[in-house]
C-alpha atoms as a PDB file:
ATOM      1  CA  MET A   1       0.000   0.000   0.000  1.00  0.00           C
ATOM      2  CA  ALA A   2       1.311   3.442  -0.919  1.00  0.00           C
ATOM      3  CA  ARG A   3       2.271   5.807   1.879  1.00  0.00           C
ATOM      4  CA  THR A   4       0.453   9.105   2.213  1.00  0.00           C
ATOM      5  CA  THR A   5       2.185  12.469   1.938  1.00  0.00           C
ATOM      6  CA  ARG A   6       1.647  12.905   5.665  1.00  0.00           C
ATOM      7  CA  GLN A   7       3.366   9.577   6.420  1.00  0.00           C
ATOM      8  CA  VAL A   8       6.302  10.473   4.181  1.00  0.00           C
ATOM      9  CA  ASP A   9       6.620  13.910   5.834  1.00  0.00           C
ATOM     10  CA  GLY A  10       6.469  12.323   9.285  1.00  0.00           C
ATOM     11  CA  SER A  11       9.133   9.789   8.390  1.00  0.00           C
ATOM     12  CA  GLU A  12      11.393  12.522   7.013  1.00  0.00           C
ATOM     13  CA  GLY A  13      10.926  14.517  10.206  1.00  0.00           C
ATOM     14  CA  GLU A  14      11.868  11.491  12.300  1.00  0.00           C
ATOM     15  CA  ASP A  15      14.928  10.890  10.102  1.00  0.00           C
ATOM     16  CA  ARG A  16      16.035  14.471  10.667  1.00  0.00           C
ATOM     17  CA  ALA A  17      15.381  14.294  14.417  1.00  0.00           C
ATOM     18  CA  ALA A  18      17.225  10.966  14.753  1.00  0.00           C
ATOM     19  CA  ALA A  19      20.263  12.325  12.900  1.00  0.00           C
ATOM     20  CA  HIS A  20      20.287  15.436  15.098  1.00  0.00           C
ATOM     21  CA  LEU A  21      20.115  13.386  18.305  1.00  0.00           C
ATOM     22  CA  GLU A  22      22.831  10.983  17.166  1.00  0.00           C
ATOM     23  CA  GLN A  23      25.103  13.930  16.288  1.00  0.00           C
ATOM     24  CA  ALA A  24      24.520  15.177  19.839  1.00  0.00           C
ATOM     25  CA  GLY A  25      25.763  11.862  21.247  1.00  0.00           C
ATOM     26  CA  LEU A  26      22.553   9.920  21.875  1.00  0.00           C
ATOM     27  CA  GLN A  27      22.366   6.273  20.810  1.00  0.00           C
ATOM     28  CA  LEU A  28      19.173   5.392  18.961  1.00  0.00           C
ATOM     29  CA  LEU A  29      17.537   2.286  20.459  1.00  0.00           C
ATOM     30  CA  ALA A  30      14.175   2.150  18.684  1.00  0.00           C
ATOM     31  CA  ARG A  31      12.067   3.932  16.140  1.00  0.00           C
ATOM     32  CA  ASN A  32       8.271   3.771  15.895  1.00  0.00           C
ATOM     33  CA  TRP A  33       8.063   1.293  18.776  1.00  0.00           C
ATOM     34  CA  ARG A  34       4.449   0.145  19.061  1.00  0.00           C
ATOM     35  CA  CYS A  35       2.395  -1.652  21.663  1.00  0.00           C
ATOM     36  CA  ARG A  36      -1.240  -1.732  22.737  1.00  0.00           C
ATOM     37  CA  ALA A  37      -0.856   1.593  24.590  1.00  0.00           C
ATOM     38  CA  GLY A  38       0.496   3.575  21.639  1.00  0.00           C
ATOM     39  CA  GLU A  39       3.650   4.404  19.727  1.00  0.00           C
ATOM     40  CA  LEU A  40       7.001   5.962  20.593  1.00  0.00           C
ATOM     41  CA  ASP A  41       8.565   7.925  17.744  1.00  0.00           C
ATOM     42  CA  LEU A  42      12.169   7.551  18.915  1.00  0.00           C
ATOM     43  CA  VAL A  43      13.818   5.913  21.900  1.00  0.00           C
ATOM     44  CA  ALA A  44      17.450   6.693  22.641  1.00  0.00           C
ATOM     45  CA  ARG A  45      20.055   6.349  25.371  1.00  0.00           C
ATOM     46  CA  ASP A  46      21.932   9.437  26.503  1.00  0.00           C
ATOM     47  CA  ARG A  47      25.609   9.306  27.436  1.00  0.00           C
ATOM     48  CA  ASP A  48      24.766   8.982  31.137  1.00  0.00           C
ATOM     49  CA  GLY A  49      22.532   5.929  30.493  1.00  0.00           C
ATOM     50  CA  THR A  50      19.227   7.805  30.719  1.00  0.00           C
ATOM     51  CA  ILE A  51      16.550   6.346  28.456  1.00  0.00           C
ATOM     52  CA  VAL A  52      15.135   9.179  26.342  1.00  0.00           C
ATOM     53  CA  PHE A  53      11.644   8.956  24.842  1.00  0.00           C
ATOM     54  CA  VAL A  54      11.392  11.439  21.987  1.00  0.00           C
ATOM     55  CA  GLU A  55       8.173  12.742  20.461  1.00  0.00           C
ATOM     56  CA  VAL A  56       8.748  14.279  17.035  1.00  0.00           C
ATOM     57  CA  ARG A  57       6.295  16.892  15.770  1.00  0.00           C
ATOM     58  CA  ARG A  58       6.526  18.445  12.338  1.00  0.00           C
ATOM     59  CA  ARG A  59       4.345  21.307  11.165  1.00  0.00           C
ATOM     60  CA  ALA A  60       4.519  23.504   8.105  1.00  0.00           C
ATOM     61  CA  SER A  61       3.845  26.643  10.145  1.00  0.00           C
ATOM     62  CA  SER A  62       3.018  27.931  13.614  1.00  0.00           C
ATOM     63  CA  ALA A  63      -0.673  28.338  12.733  1.00  0.00           C
ATOM     64  CA  PHE A  64      -3.073  26.869  15.299  1.00  0.00           C
ATOM     65  CA  GLY A  65      -0.371  26.904  17.990  1.00  0.00           C
ATOM     66  CA  GLY A  66       2.260  25.105  15.960  1.00  0.00           C
ATOM     67  CA  ALA A  67       3.970  21.818  16.687  1.00  0.00           C
ATOM     68  CA  ALA A  68       4.341  22.341  20.444  1.00  0.00           C
ATOM     69  CA  ALA A  69       0.615  22.874  20.976  1.00  0.00           C
ATOM     70  CA  SER A  70      -0.107  19.432  19.543  1.00  0.00           C
ATOM     71  CA  ILE A  71       1.481  17.695  22.544  1.00  0.00           C
ATOM     72  CA  THR A  72      -1.507  17.893  24.840  1.00  0.00           C
ATOM     73  CA  PRO A  73      -1.707  16.572  28.418  1.00  0.00           C
ATOM     74  CA  ALA A  74      -3.668  13.578  27.053  1.00  0.00           C
ATOM     75  CA  LYS A  75      -0.863  12.872  24.555  1.00  0.00           C
ATOM     76  CA  GLN A  76       1.709  13.160  27.347  1.00  0.00           C
ATOM     77  CA  MET A  77      -0.190  10.595  29.433  1.00  0.00           C
ATOM     78  CA  ARG A  78      -0.416   8.213  26.452  1.00  0.00           C
ATOM     79  CA  LEU A  79       3.329   8.579  25.878  1.00  0.00           C
ATOM     80  CA  ALA A  80       4.003   7.893  29.565  1.00  0.00           C
ATOM     81  CA  ARG A  81       1.918   4.676  29.479  1.00  0.00           C
ATOM     82  CA  THR A  82       3.653   3.528  26.309  1.00  0.00           C
ATOM     83  CA  ALA A  83       7.078   4.358  27.755  1.00  0.00           C
ATOM     84  CA  GLU A  84       6.293   2.378  30.902  1.00  0.00           C
ATOM     85  CA  LEU A  85       5.464  -0.679  28.800  1.00  0.00           C
ATOM     86  CA  TYR A  86       8.664  -0.188  26.796  1.00  0.00           C
ATOM     87  CA  ARG A  87      10.674  -0.079  30.019  1.00  0.00           C
ATOM     88  CA  LEU A  88       9.044  -3.298  31.233  1.00  0.00           C
ATOM     89  CA  VAL A  89       9.418  -5.179  27.946  1.00  0.00           C
ATOM     90  CA  MET A  90      13.012  -4.055  27.438  1.00  0.00           C
ATOM     91  CA  ARG A  91      13.889  -4.663  31.103  1.00  0.00           C
ATOM     92  CA  CYS A  92      15.205  -1.163  31.692  1.00  0.00           C
ATOM     93  CA  ALA A  93      12.671   0.019  34.284  1.00  0.00           C
ATOM     94  CA  ASP A  94      15.502   0.598  36.764  1.00  0.00           C
ATOM     95  CA  ARG A  95      17.147   3.206  34.531  1.00  0.00           C
ATOM     96  CA  PRO A  96      16.302   6.901  34.715  1.00  0.00           C
ATOM     97  CA  CYS A  97      14.259   8.251  31.837  1.00  0.00           C
ATOM     98  CA  ARG A  98      13.092  11.539  30.423  1.00  0.00           C
ATOM     99  CA  PHE A  99      10.734  12.821  27.758  1.00  0.00           C
ATOM    100  CA  ASP A 100      12.160  15.044  25.042  1.00  0.00           C
ATOM    101  CA  VAL A 101      10.398  16.707  22.148  1.00  0.00           C
ATOM    102  CA  VAL A 102      11.804  17.575  18.739  1.00  0.00           C
ATOM    103  CA  LEU A 103       9.789  20.249  16.979  1.00  0.00           C
ATOM    104  CA  ILE A 104      10.248  20.859  13.273  1.00  0.00           C
ATOM    105  CA  GLU A 105       8.387  23.924  12.155  1.00  0.00           C
ATOM    106  CA  ALA A 106       8.824  25.788   8.874  1.00  0.00           C
ATOM    107  CA  GLY A 107      12.047  23.800   8.362  1.00  0.00           C
ATOM    108  CA  ARG A 108      13.569  24.810  11.724  1.00  0.00           C
ATOM    109  CA  LEU A 109      14.436  22.046  14.237  1.00  0.00           C
ATOM    110  CA  GLU A 110      14.177  22.653  17.985  1.00  0.00           C
ATOM    111  CA  TRP A 111      15.130  19.978  20.528  1.00  0.00           C
ATOM    112  CA  ILE A 112      13.533  20.414  23.944  1.00  0.00           C
ATOM    113  CA  ARG A 113      15.161  18.215  26.559  1.00  0.00           C
ATOM    114  CA  ASP A 114      13.066  17.078  29.507  1.00  0.00           C
ATOM    115  CA  ALA A 115      10.021  18.683  27.877  1.00  0.00           C
ATOM    116  CA  PHE A 116       7.490  17.257  30.337  1.00  0.00           C
ATOM    117  CA  GLN A 117       7.265  15.106  33.456  1.00  0.00           C
ATOM    118  CA  PRO A 118       4.356  12.661  33.283  1.00  0.00           C
ATOM    119  CA  GLY A 119       5.366  10.806  36.424  1.00  0.00           C
ATOM    120  CA  VAL A 120       6.917   7.638  34.946  1.00  0.00           C
END
């Protein structure tokens, strides 16, 4: 089945985010990790061993609040549940973790470390 323009754009945004994070020294562990609770765009390990769950948001412009506004409290809770399952399945629940966001808006990439604390 052919991929939609939106899927292609999303994949390109994730490629760009992954390359940026790897250049910054993070090790990519998973991409588009799925389970019954949801999906994690990128999972990486920082130099200090912290597991980093990365939500990538790409928007053409800042209209309607832009990319950042799309990460609602409900989305944060869904990411936290999915991350908890990842940590259990991958047997890394004892490691510290954080939630980062990579925003790509009008071609500009912004990496926000420790963007939110859902209580995982």
